[in-house]
Amino acid sequence: MLKQAVMASTIGFQVAFSPFIGVFIGYLLDWKFHTYPYMTVIWLLIGVAASGVNYYRFVKQQRDEDKGQRK
């Protein structure tokens, strides 16, 4: 139960910070290669996709653990 609570509290941070990390990486690459806003947008989309994958994995793990407890 405690493990699930800890995982639930961290998933919010993972979902929230992944796009920001993507924007930061994209901005740095845009600054280096003078391609603003292309890399920022691409890395933002990568960050959003990463947060979606993290959320999907979390939900799948919680569902699997819940099924295991019911048996």
Foldseek 3Di string as FASTA:
>chain_A
DVVLVVLVVVLVVLQVCLLVVLLVVQVVVCVVVVPPPVSNVVSSVVSNVRSVVSVVVSVVVVVVVVVVVVD
